[in-house]
């Protein structure tokens, strides 16, 4: 029985590690897109470059992935859409919101236990 618990714990750690790697890759892509969309760069070129970077990062995720917060995915999808039209301010706002949504996903418990514990107090 101890062996089964150890195996289950190892599998959960492997899943958590891959989630953290995914979140880290998305955060890196977001931060680079935010940097690219800052003045004095050419807005059209920056928007295209940031759009390509984000689309590539999002391809690593699976639609409906429970490990990636839905709100973060929605913000990233909307930011990509704004970048397609060269709307940098709107895209930057959504990218910043996506970073905030990804923060809880970095923890091993995906932020769920901390929220549940606060509600009990």
Foldseek 3Di string as FASTA:
>chain_A
DVVVVVVVVVVLVVVLVVLLVLLVLQLVLLVVLLVLCDPPDDLLVSLVVSLVSLVVSCVVDDVVPPLQDPLLVVLSVVLSVCSVVSNSVSSNVSSVVSNVSSVLSNDSVSVPVVVVVVVVD
